[in-house]
């Protein structure tokens, strides 16, 4: 019987002949089948995954040295390109599209002998916080099928949560890795903007999007980040000056004393569940008792971050999604028309879902003549102020801790009638995307309602090393203390 603890143990077992990559793939394929009702996967690459696993097992038998991700079974969010495989962004407009190339991040995984087992369901074009906005139907939380898994990378989170793969990739534009990780009780890591190439990631909002990682073991997520964080000439927004990240099994000093900030305005926000607030405050008290410096920092821009985020992201989305017109690729309507305008209108009206249409229209509005300065320019000014403020904070502090979501996973359909309420639920995650900072959701709490929730940790830009080290400290405390 195959079981997975972490990549390090898996590789030891492979070398000692205790297991095989083929057994691993068969285990996950069986779990995918058994959890089919969760609707986490869009497509499963069963035959090719078994074929690759068999080849990798032959490498082991021949005594070849194994690569960093030898036989590691990974799932991809359906917005990340994989050559000669469908990528649809969970949208009718791309339902028959096959990618002609692999995303750079995917290629780096394949170069290290990872096995891609399938693509995961998500909110259409990564627009949503519930994974209910998908052409393929909603995804269900494996812990409670009446609850959402979070979004937009809900399928990727559930795939890890329900042991349908070892790790998975999602994308995080405003919390779409951290929030579903929070709801599903797994680790969700969003690197700094510019750390992982966006080449081959279907764009929602290009100055916000970043590929992220789901896993159950911190060091596994660190290894995936290490493998994917490579300079890429295909993405001009990458930080090309960075030296190679060495994060896997990185030692951390358990005696180091950190300076950590939290935003009082966030922990006392009226929308925040009191149990979530109390748990994070208790964590802060434990860290302080251990000799770490924990201080409340004034954050007077809280009321502006969600409006600024949605003004800017919808503006970018309206521009990015203008290419989907049904001519070069994408859905083409069967309605006969006599002019080009109606042709575009029918293609896009039939191809896009309700939430995507809403955001395209909002974006077009804020970019329109007479409103550009009032909305888009103001939002950019807020973004600039946020960056300046957070830079000042990190002159004094190593990290910021805060919640991921105001509540634990909510019921399916609960927010269907009120999209604004859904947007406001992103209040604690969009901050890291507006500022380009690395952030992680650590699954260290359980609510009295039985659902998990996590602690969000943020460090300064490009300090993934510090983020992983502090996260390791937090996860150790989880193992050694009842409170967290």
Protein backbone atom coordinates (compact mmCIF):
# COMPACT_ATOMS: atom_id res chain seq x y z
CA UNK A 1 0.00 0.00 0.00
CA UNK A 2 1.47 3.33 -1.06
CA UNK A 3 1.57 6.23 1.39
CA UNK A 4 3.11 9.67 1.04
CA UNK A 5 4.72 11.65 3.86
CA UNK A 6 6.98 14.05 1.99
CA UNK A 7 9.29 14.10 -1.02
CA UNK A 8 12.41 13.32 1.00
CA UNK A 9 10.91 10.12 2.45
CA UNK A 10 9.39 9.20 -0.91
CA UNK A 11 12.79 9.39 -2.59
CA UNK A 12 14.38 7.29 0.16
CA UNK A 13 11.70 4.64 -0.33
CA UNK A 14 12.24 4.69 -4.10
CA UNK A 15 15.97 4.18 -3.74
CA UNK A 16 15.47 1.33 -1.25
CA UNK A 17 12.92 -0.38 -3.48
CA UNK A 18 10.11 0.00 -0.92
CA UNK A 19 7.85 1.69 -3.44
CA UNK A 20 7.80 2.87 -7.05
CA UNK A 21 6.64 5.85 -9.06
CA UNK A 22 4.12 3.62 -10.81
CA UNK A 23 2.60 2.60 -7.46
CA UNK A 24 2.39 6.29 -6.53
CA UNK A 25 0.60 7.23 -9.75
CA UNK A 26 -1.82 4.31 -9.43
CA UNK A 27 -2.58 5.34 -5.84
CA UNK A 28 -3.43 8.89 -6.88
CA UNK A 29 -5.45 7.79 -9.92
CA UNK A 30 -7.50 5.57 -7.63
CA UNK A 31 -8.08 8.45 -5.23
CA UNK A 32 -9.10 10.75 -8.08
CA UNK A 33 -11.66 8.18 -9.17
CA UNK A 34 -12.92 7.66 -5.62
CA UNK A 35 -13.28 11.43 -5.10
CA UNK A 36 -14.82 12.14 -8.48
CA UNK A 37 -17.83 13.79 -6.80
CA UNK A 38 -15.58 16.64 -5.57
CA UNK A 39 -15.17 17.76 -9.20
CA UNK A 40 -11.57 18.85 -8.55
CA UNK A 41 -10.17 17.72 -11.91
CA UNK A 42 -10.97 18.88 -15.44
CA UNK A 43 -8.77 16.32 -17.19
CA UNK A 44 -6.70 13.35 -16.00
CA UNK A 45 -3.60 12.15 -17.83
CA UNK A 46 -3.77 8.56 -16.60
CA UNK A 47 -2.00 6.69 -19.41
CA UNK A 48 0.86 9.12 -19.87
CA UNK A 49 1.37 9.46 -16.10
CA UNK A 50 1.72 5.69 -15.76
CA UNK A 51 3.98 5.58 -18.80
CA UNK A 52 6.30 8.23 -17.39
CA UNK A 53 6.30 6.61 -13.96
CA UNK A 54 7.36 3.31 -15.56
CA UNK A 55 10.26 5.03 -17.32
CA UNK A 56 11.33 6.69 -14.07
CA UNK A 57 11.25 3.36 -12.27
CA UNK A 58 13.60 1.97 -14.94
CA UNK A 59 15.99 4.83 -14.17
CA UNK A 60 16.01 3.83 -10.51
CA UNK A 61 16.69 0.19 -11.41
CA UNK A 62 19.58 1.18 -13.71
CA UNK A 63 21.22 3.11 -10.89
CA UNK A 64 20.88 6.54 -12.48
CA UNK A 65 20.97 9.45 -10.00
CA UNK A 66 17.51 10.80 -9.44
CA UNK A 67 16.53 14.41 -10.07
CA UNK A 68 14.95 16.79 -7.55
CA UNK A 69 11.35 15.92 -8.44
CA UNK A 70 11.79 12.34 -9.59
CA UNK A 71 8.34 10.76 -9.66
CA UNK A 72 6.69 13.61 -7.75
CA UNK A 73 3.01 13.67 -8.77
CA UNK A 74 1.74 17.19 -9.47
CA UNK A 75 -1.55 18.65 -10.70
CA UNK A 76 -1.93 21.94 -12.60
CA UNK A 77 -4.62 24.57 -12.36
CA UNK A 78 -6.51 24.89 -15.64
CA UNK A 79 -4.90 28.25 -16.42
CA UNK A 80 -1.35 26.91 -16.77
CA UNK A 81 -0.23 25.72 -20.20
CA UNK A 82 1.10 22.21 -20.75
CA UNK A 83 2.19 21.41 -24.31
CA UNK A 84 -0.26 19.27 -26.33
CA UNK A 85 -2.81 19.29 -23.53
CA UNK A 86 -6.01 21.27 -23.21
CA UNK A 87 -6.00 24.49 -21.19
CA UNK A 88 -9.38 26.19 -20.94
CA UNK A 89 -9.33 28.52 -17.92
CA UNK A 90 -12.58 26.71 -16.96
CA UNK A 91 -14.33 28.75 -19.64
CA UNK A 92 -16.60 27.83 -22.54
CA UNK A 93 -14.72 30.29 -24.73
CA UNK A 94 -11.60 28.07 -24.58
CA UNK A 95 -13.24 24.66 -24.11
CA UNK A 96 -11.53 23.10 -27.14
CA UNK A 97 -8.16 24.88 -26.94
CA UNK A 98 -4.98 22.78 -26.84
CA UNK A 99 -1.78 24.50 -25.80
CA UNK A 100 1.13 24.41 -28.24
CA UNK A 101 3.72 25.00 -25.52
CA UNK A 102 4.38 24.51 -21.82
CA UNK A 103 4.53 27.28 -19.25
CA UNK A 104 8.12 27.89 -18.16
CA UNK A 105 7.24 26.83 -14.61
CA UNK A 106 5.80 23.54 -15.90
CA UNK A 107 8.85 22.92 -18.07
CA UNK A 108 11.13 23.40 -15.07
CA UNK A 109 9.12 20.75 -13.19
CA UNK A 110 9.30 18.33 -16.12
CA UNK A 111 13.05 18.92 -16.41
CA UNK A 112 13.36 17.57 -12.85
CA UNK A 113 11.30 14.45 -13.72
CA UNK A 114 8.00 15.48 -12.13
CA UNK A 115 4.84 13.65 -13.28
CA UNK A 116 1.85 15.79 -14.28
CA UNK A 117 -1.28 13.81 -13.42
CA UNK A 118 -3.95 16.24 -14.64
CA UNK A 119 -5.48 19.72 -14.66
CA UNK A 120 -7.68 21.07 -11.90
CA UNK A 121 -10.98 22.90 -11.95
CA UNK A 122 -11.04 26.59 -11.02
CA UNK A 123 -13.13 29.73 -11.23
CA UNK A 124 -13.39 30.87 -14.84
CA UNK A 125 -10.27 32.83 -15.82
CA UNK A 126 -9.31 32.70 -12.13
CA UNK A 127 -12.10 35.17 -11.28
CA UNK A 128 -13.73 34.14 -8.04
CA UNK A 129 -13.31 33.22 -4.39
CA UNK A 130 -15.51 30.12 -4.22
CA UNK A 131 -14.83 27.90 -7.27
CA UNK A 132 -18.49 28.12 -8.18
CA UNK A 133 -17.81 30.14 -11.36
CA UNK A 134 -16.63 27.33 -13.63
CA UNK A 135 -17.80 26.01 -16.99
CA UNK A 136 -17.27 22.53 -15.49
CA UNK A 137 -19.40 23.13 -12.40
CA UNK A 138 -18.57 23.85 -8.78
CA UNK A 139 -15.83 22.16 -6.72
CA UNK A 140 -16.70 20.77 -3.27
CA UNK A 141 -14.65 20.98 -0.09
CA UNK A 142 -13.51 17.44 0.79
CA UNK A 143 -14.02 18.04 4.53
CA UNK A 144 -17.64 19.14 4.12
CA UNK A 145 -19.39 18.82 0.78
CA UNK A 146 -21.81 21.61 1.68
CA UNK A 147 -18.89 24.08 1.84
CA UNK A 148 -16.92 25.84 -0.88
CA UNK A 149 -13.21 25.01 -1.21
CA UNK A 150 -12.31 28.64 -1.83
CA UNK A 151 -11.14 30.07 -5.11
CA UNK A 152 -10.11 30.62 -7.65
CA UNK A 153 -7.69 27.68 -7.30
CA UNK A 154 -10.22 25.51 -5.46
CA UNK A 155 -9.65 22.39 -7.53
CA UNK A 156 -5.89 22.52 -6.94
CA UNK A 157 -6.43 22.92 -3.19
CA UNK A 158 -8.90 20.02 -3.00
CA UNK A 159 -6.59 17.80 -5.08
CA UNK A 160 -3.97 18.12 -2.34
CA UNK A 161 -6.49 18.11 0.50
CA UNK A 162 -8.03 14.79 -0.62
CA UNK A 163 -4.69 13.12 -1.52
CA UNK A 164 -5.25 13.13 -5.27
CA UNK A 165 -1.68 14.31 -5.90
CA UNK A 166 1.41 15.17 -3.87
CA UNK A 167 1.43 18.88 -4.70
CA UNK A 168 -0.39 21.16 -7.10
CA UNK A 169 0.03 24.51 -8.79
CA UNK A 170 -2.49 27.33 -8.64
CA UNK A 171 -2.41 31.01 -9.48
CA UNK A 172 -2.79 33.85 -7.00
CA UNK A 173 -4.05 37.24 -8.21
CA UNK A 174 -5.68 38.39 -4.98
CA UNK A 175 -5.52 35.40 -2.68
CA UNK A 176 -6.46 32.55 -5.01
CA UNK A 177 -3.86 30.21 -3.50
CA UNK A 178 -3.89 31.34 0.14
CA UNK A 179 -7.66 31.52 0.61
CA UNK A 180 -8.47 28.01 -0.72
CA UNK A 181 -5.49 26.68 1.25
CA UNK A 182 -7.04 28.32 4.32
CA UNK A 183 -10.46 26.76 3.63
CA UNK A 184 -9.03 23.29 2.87
CA UNK A 185 -6.41 23.05 5.61
CA UNK A 186 -3.30 22.81 3.43
CA UNK A 187 -0.26 25.01 2.80
CA UNK A 188 -0.68 27.71 0.14
CA UNK A 189 2.41 29.64 -0.97
CA UNK A 190 2.38 32.77 -3.13
CA UNK A 191 5.90 33.95 -4.07
CA UNK A 192 6.88 37.56 -4.68
CA UNK A 193 5.72 39.01 -7.97
CA UNK A 194 8.52 38.30 -10.42
CA UNK A 195 9.84 35.16 -8.70
CA UNK A 196 8.15 32.55 -10.93
CA UNK A 197 7.75 33.16 -14.64
CA UNK A 198 4.21 33.96 -15.80
CA UNK A 199 4.98 32.74 -19.32
CA UNK A 200 2.29 30.19 -20.07
CA UNK A 201 -0.04 31.38 -17.31
CA UNK A 202 -3.34 32.57 -18.79
CA UNK A 203 -3.61 36.17 -17.66
CA UNK A 204 -6.30 37.61 -15.42
CA UNK A 205 -4.51 40.76 -14.21
CA UNK A 206 -0.92 40.77 -15.41
CA UNK A 207 0.60 43.01 -12.73
CA UNK A 208 -0.93 40.85 -9.97
CA UNK A 209 -0.86 37.23 -11.21
CA UNK A 210 1.67 34.81 -9.76
CA UNK A 211 1.89 31.01 -9.89
CA UNK A 212 1.60 29.50 -6.42
CA UNK A 213 1.97 26.14 -4.71
CA UNK A 214 -0.26 23.84 -2.64
CA UNK A 215 1.15 21.10 -0.44
CA UNK A 216 0.92 19.40 2.92
CA UNK A 217 4.61 19.61 3.81
CA UNK A 218 6.43 22.95 3.99
CA UNK A 219 9.72 21.64 2.62
CA UNK A 220 7.95 20.11 -0.38
CA UNK A 221 6.48 23.50 -1.25
CA UNK A 222 9.91 25.05 -0.75
CA UNK A 223 11.44 22.55 -3.17
CA UNK A 224 8.87 23.29 -5.87
CA UNK A 225 9.52 27.00 -5.44
CA UNK A 226 13.27 26.42 -5.66
CA UNK A 227 12.83 24.50 -8.93
CA UNK A 228 10.49 27.04 -10.55
CA UNK A 229 12.18 30.26 -9.39
CA UNK A 230 14.47 30.64 -12.38
CA UNK A 231 15.05 33.65 -14.63
CA UNK A 232 13.05 33.52 -17.84
CA UNK A 233 13.59 35.78 -20.84
CA UNK A 234 9.97 35.14 -21.89
CA UNK A 235 8.69 37.13 -18.87
CA UNK A 236 9.95 40.71 -18.78
CA UNK A 237 8.46 41.30 -15.31
CA UNK A 238 10.73 38.76 -13.61
CA UNK A 239 13.48 39.79 -11.25
CA UNK A 240 16.39 38.61 -13.40
CA UNK A 241 19.07 39.76 -10.93
CA UNK A 242 18.21 37.25 -8.23
CA UNK A 243 20.67 34.53 -7.38
CA UNK A 244 19.40 30.95 -7.33
CA UNK A 245 17.01 30.27 -4.45
CA UNK A 246 18.17 27.47 -2.16
CA UNK A 247 15.17 26.64 -0.02
CA UNK A 248 14.82 22.87 0.25
CA UNK A 249 15.63 21.44 3.69
CA UNK A 250 17.12 24.81 4.51
CA UNK A 251 18.25 24.89 8.15
CA UNK A 252 16.66 27.52 10.31
CA UNK A 253 17.82 28.90 13.61
CA UNK A 254 15.20 27.95 16.19
CA UNK A 255 16.82 30.41 18.59
CA UNK A 256 16.45 33.40 16.27
CA UNK A 257 14.18 36.10 17.62
CA UNK A 258 11.93 37.72 15.03
CA UNK A 259 10.31 41.12 14.95
CA UNK A 260 6.75 40.61 13.77
CA UNK A 261 4.00 43.12 13.06
CA UNK A 262 0.26 42.73 12.89
CA UNK A 263 -2.41 45.21 11.85
CA UNK A 264 -4.74 45.96 14.72
CA UNK A 265 -7.33 47.29 12.26
CA UNK A 266 -7.41 43.86 10.59
CA UNK A 267 -7.58 41.73 13.73
CA UNK A 268 -10.38 43.92 15.10
CA UNK A 269 -12.24 44.31 11.82
CA UNK A 270 -16.00 43.76 12.29
CA UNK A 271 -16.12 41.24 9.44
CA UNK A 272 -13.54 38.95 11.09
CA UNK A 273 -14.80 35.88 12.95
CA UNK A 274 -13.94 36.35 16.62
CA UNK A 275 -12.50 32.85 16.93
CA UNK A 276 -10.10 33.53 14.05
CA UNK A 277 -9.10 36.85 15.60
CA UNK A 278 -8.62 35.35 19.05
CA UNK A 279 -6.52 32.47 17.69
CA UNK A 280 -4.11 34.80 15.90
CA UNK A 281 -3.88 37.06 18.95
CA UNK A 282 -3.09 33.99 21.04
CA UNK A 283 -0.38 33.00 18.56
CA UNK A 284 1.09 36.49 18.86
CA UNK A 285 1.09 36.17 22.66
CA UNK A 286 2.88 32.79 22.47
CA UNK A 287 5.52 34.21 20.13
CA UNK A 288 5.99 37.18 22.43
CA UNK A 289 6.40 34.88 25.42
CA UNK A 290 9.08 33.02 23.46
CA UNK A 291 11.09 36.23 23.17
CA UNK A 292 9.99 37.46 19.76
CA UNK A 293 8.98 41.11 19.34
CA UNK A 294 5.30 41.38 18.38
CA UNK A 295 3.78 44.81 17.83
CA UNK A 296 0.59 46.25 16.44
CA UNK A 297 1.23 48.58 13.50
CA UNK A 298 -1.24 51.24 12.40
CA UNK A 299 -2.78 50.50 9.01
CA UNK A 300 -4.99 53.39 7.95
CA UNK A 301 -5.48 52.23 4.33
CA UNK A 302 -7.57 49.14 5.08
CA UNK A 303 -10.78 50.58 3.62
CA UNK A 304 -9.04 51.32 0.33
CA UNK A 305 -7.32 48.04 -0.49
CA UNK A 306 -10.31 46.05 -1.82
CA UNK A 307 -11.67 48.92 -3.99
CA UNK A 308 -8.18 49.64 -5.35
CA UNK A 309 -7.61 45.96 -6.06
CA UNK A 310 -10.87 45.49 -7.97
CA UNK A 311 -10.49 48.71 -9.95
CA UNK A 312 -7.01 47.72 -11.10
CA UNK A 313 -7.60 44.01 -11.69
CA UNK A 314 -10.84 44.47 -13.62
CA UNK A 315 -9.14 47.13 -15.75
CA UNK A 316 -6.34 44.71 -16.60
CA UNK A 317 -8.82 41.86 -17.13
CA UNK A 318 -10.87 43.87 -19.62
CA UNK A 319 -7.71 44.44 -21.62
CA UNK A 320 -6.34 40.88 -21.34
CA UNK A 321 -9.61 39.21 -22.26
CA UNK A 322 -10.21 41.38 -25.32
CA UNK A 323 -8.21 38.85 -27.37
CA UNK A 324 -10.88 36.16 -26.95
CA UNK A 325 -13.06 37.01 -29.92
CA UNK A 326 -13.75 33.68 -31.67
CA UNK A 327 -11.67 34.49 -34.73
CA UNK A 328 -8.13 33.30 -34.01
CA UNK A 329 -9.25 30.82 -31.37
CA UNK A 330 -11.98 30.38 -28.82
CA UNK A 331 -15.72 29.77 -28.95
CA UNK A 332 -17.52 30.73 -32.14
CA UNK A 333 -21.29 31.22 -32.07
CA UNK A 334 -23.56 29.35 -34.49
CA UNK A 335 -25.89 32.34 -34.76
CA UNK A 336 -25.79 33.77 -38.28
CA UNK A 337 -25.12 37.50 -38.33
CA UNK A 338 -24.31 40.11 -40.91
CA UNK A 339 -21.71 42.31 -39.25
CA UNK A 340 -18.48 41.95 -37.27
CA UNK A 341 -19.72 43.71 -34.14
CA UNK A 342 -22.57 41.23 -33.64
CA UNK A 343 -20.21 38.37 -34.44
CA UNK A 344 -17.91 39.42 -31.58
CA UNK A 345 -20.90 40.07 -29.32
CA UNK A 346 -22.38 36.60 -29.82
CA UNK A 347 -19.07 34.81 -29.41
CA UNK A 348 -18.20 36.58 -26.18
CA UNK A 349 -21.72 36.54 -24.73
CA UNK A 350 -21.96 32.78 -25.18
CA UNK A 351 -18.34 32.04 -24.27
CA UNK A 352 -17.91 34.02 -21.06
CA UNK A 353 -19.67 33.29 -17.77
CA UNK A 354 -21.54 35.80 -15.61
CA UNK A 355 -18.67 36.71 -13.27
CA UNK A 356 -16.18 37.21 -16.11
CA UNK A 357 -18.64 39.45 -17.95
CA UNK A 358 -19.18 41.46 -14.78
CA UNK A 359 -15.45 42.08 -14.34
CA UNK A 360 -14.87 42.91 -18.01
CA UNK A 361 -17.63 45.52 -17.85
CA UNK A 362 -16.31 46.97 -14.58
CA UNK A 363 -12.84 47.19 -16.11
CA UNK A 364 -14.07 48.84 -19.26
CA UNK A 365 -15.96 51.37 -17.13
CA UNK A 366 -13.00 52.40 -14.96
CA UNK A 367 -10.84 52.81 -18.06
CA UNK A 368 -13.41 54.80 -19.99
CA UNK A 369 -13.14 58.47 -20.83
CA UNK A 370 -14.25 60.63 -17.93
CA UNK A 371 -13.74 57.90 -15.33
CA UNK A 372 -10.10 56.92 -15.86
CA UNK A 373 -8.74 59.64 -13.55
CA UNK A 374 -11.49 59.21 -10.99
CA UNK A 375 -11.00 55.47 -10.59
CA UNK A 376 -7.98 53.92 -12.29
CA UNK A 377 -5.51 56.72 -11.51
CA UNK A 378 -6.70 56.96 -7.91
CA UNK A 379 -6.34 53.21 -7.46
CA UNK A 380 -2.78 53.36 -8.77
CA UNK A 381 -2.06 56.10 -6.22
CA UNK A 382 -3.42 53.87 -3.44
CA UNK A 383 -1.20 51.06 -4.66
CA UNK A 384 1.84 53.34 -4.56
CA UNK A 385 1.00 54.41 -0.99
CA UNK A 386 0.63 50.77 0.07
CA UNK A 387 4.07 49.91 -1.33
CA UNK A 388 5.63 52.90 0.42
CA UNK A 389 3.93 51.99 3.70
CA UNK A 390 4.94 48.35 3.61
CA UNK A 391 8.54 49.26 2.74
CA UNK A 392 8.66 51.39 5.89
CA UNK A 393 7.23 48.54 7.95
CA UNK A 394 9.89 46.12 6.71
CA UNK A 395 12.62 48.53 7.73
CA UNK A 396 11.71 47.57 11.31
CA UNK A 397 10.04 44.16 11.05
CA UNK A 398 10.87 40.74 9.63
CA UNK A 399 7.29 39.74 8.90
CA UNK A 400 3.61 40.58 9.13
CA UNK A 401 0.99 38.11 10.38
CA UNK A 402 -2.71 38.37 9.57
CA UNK A 403 -5.76 36.22 8.71
CA UNK A 404 -6.47 34.86 5.23
CA UNK A 405 -10.24 35.21 5.29
CA UNK A 406 -12.87 36.78 7.57
CA UNK A 407 -14.50 33.35 8.03
CA UNK A 408 -13.88 29.66 7.56
CA UNK A 409 -15.25 28.01 4.40
CA UNK A 410 -18.80 29.18 3.85
CA UNK A 411 -21.74 27.27 2.40
CA UNK A 412 -22.11 26.66 -1.31
CA UNK A 413 -24.44 29.27 -2.80
CA UNK A 414 -24.23 31.49 0.28
CA UNK A 415 -22.85 34.49 -1.60
CA UNK A 416 -24.46 33.97 -5.02
CA UNK A 417 -26.80 36.91 -4.65
CA UNK A 418 -24.21 39.39 -3.38
CA UNK A 419 -20.98 39.61 -5.42
CA UNK A 420 -19.84 42.61 -3.38
CA UNK A 421 -19.83 40.50 -0.22
CA UNK A 422 -17.65 37.98 -2.03
CA UNK A 423 -15.24 40.71 -3.15
CA UNK A 424 -15.00 42.05 0.42
CA UNK A 425 -14.03 38.60 1.68
CA UNK A 426 -10.67 39.16 -0.08
CA UNK A 427 -9.84 41.97 2.35
CA UNK A 428 -6.89 40.17 4.00
CA UNK A 429 -5.26 38.60 0.94
CA UNK A 430 -5.24 41.28 -1.78
CA UNK A 431 -2.72 43.35 0.21
CA UNK A 432 0.16 41.01 -0.74
CA UNK A 433 -0.77 41.15 -4.44
CA UNK A 434 -1.11 44.93 -4.53
CA UNK A 435 2.41 45.19 -3.07
CA UNK A 436 4.00 42.19 -4.81
CA UNK A 437 5.02 40.54 -1.53
CA UNK A 438 5.53 36.83 -0.81
CA UNK A 439 2.89 35.30 1.45
CA UNK A 440 1.89 31.91 2.77
CA UNK A 441 -1.12 30.34 4.46
CA UNK A 442 -0.10 27.91 7.20
CA UNK A 443 -2.75 25.37 8.32
CA UNK A 444 -2.32 25.62 12.07
CA UNK A 445 -5.84 26.19 13.42
CA UNK A 446 -9.17 24.41 13.66
CA UNK A 447 -12.42 26.27 14.29
CA UNK A 448 -15.06 25.07 16.73
CA UNK A 449 -17.30 24.53 13.66
CA UNK A 450 -14.90 21.76 12.61
CA UNK A 451 -13.38 23.60 9.64
CA UNK A 452 -9.69 24.51 9.36
CA UNK A 453 -8.22 27.96 8.93
CA UNK A 454 -4.70 29.23 8.55
CA UNK A 455 -2.28 31.94 9.57
CA UNK A 456 -1.08 34.23 6.80
CA UNK A 457 2.58 35.26 6.99
CA UNK A 458 4.07 37.98 4.75
CA UNK A 459 7.71 39.02 4.40
CA UNK A 460 9.43 41.71 2.38
CA UNK A 461 9.66 41.40 -1.39
CA UNK A 462 11.94 38.60 -2.60
CA UNK A 463 12.51 37.32 0.93
CA UNK A 464 11.13 33.84 0.29
CA UNK A 465 14.01 32.46 2.34
CA UNK A 466 12.87 34.39 5.42
CA UNK A 467 9.27 33.41 4.73
CA UNK A 468 10.10 29.69 4.66
CA UNK A 469 12.29 29.94 7.76
CA UNK A 470 9.64 31.73 9.81
CA UNK A 471 6.98 29.34 8.49
CA UNK A 472 9.10 26.40 9.66
CA UNK A 473 9.16 27.93 13.13
CA UNK A 474 5.38 28.35 13.08
CA UNK A 475 4.81 24.78 11.88
CA UNK A 476 7.11 23.44 14.60
CA UNK A 477 5.07 25.32 17.17
CA UNK A 478 1.96 23.69 15.75
CA UNK A 479 3.47 20.25 16.42
CA UNK A 480 4.68 21.11 19.90
CA UNK A 481 1.81 23.16 21.30
CA UNK A 482 -1.91 22.57 21.72
CA UNK A 483 -2.76 26.23 21.17
CA UNK A 484 -1.44 26.56 17.63
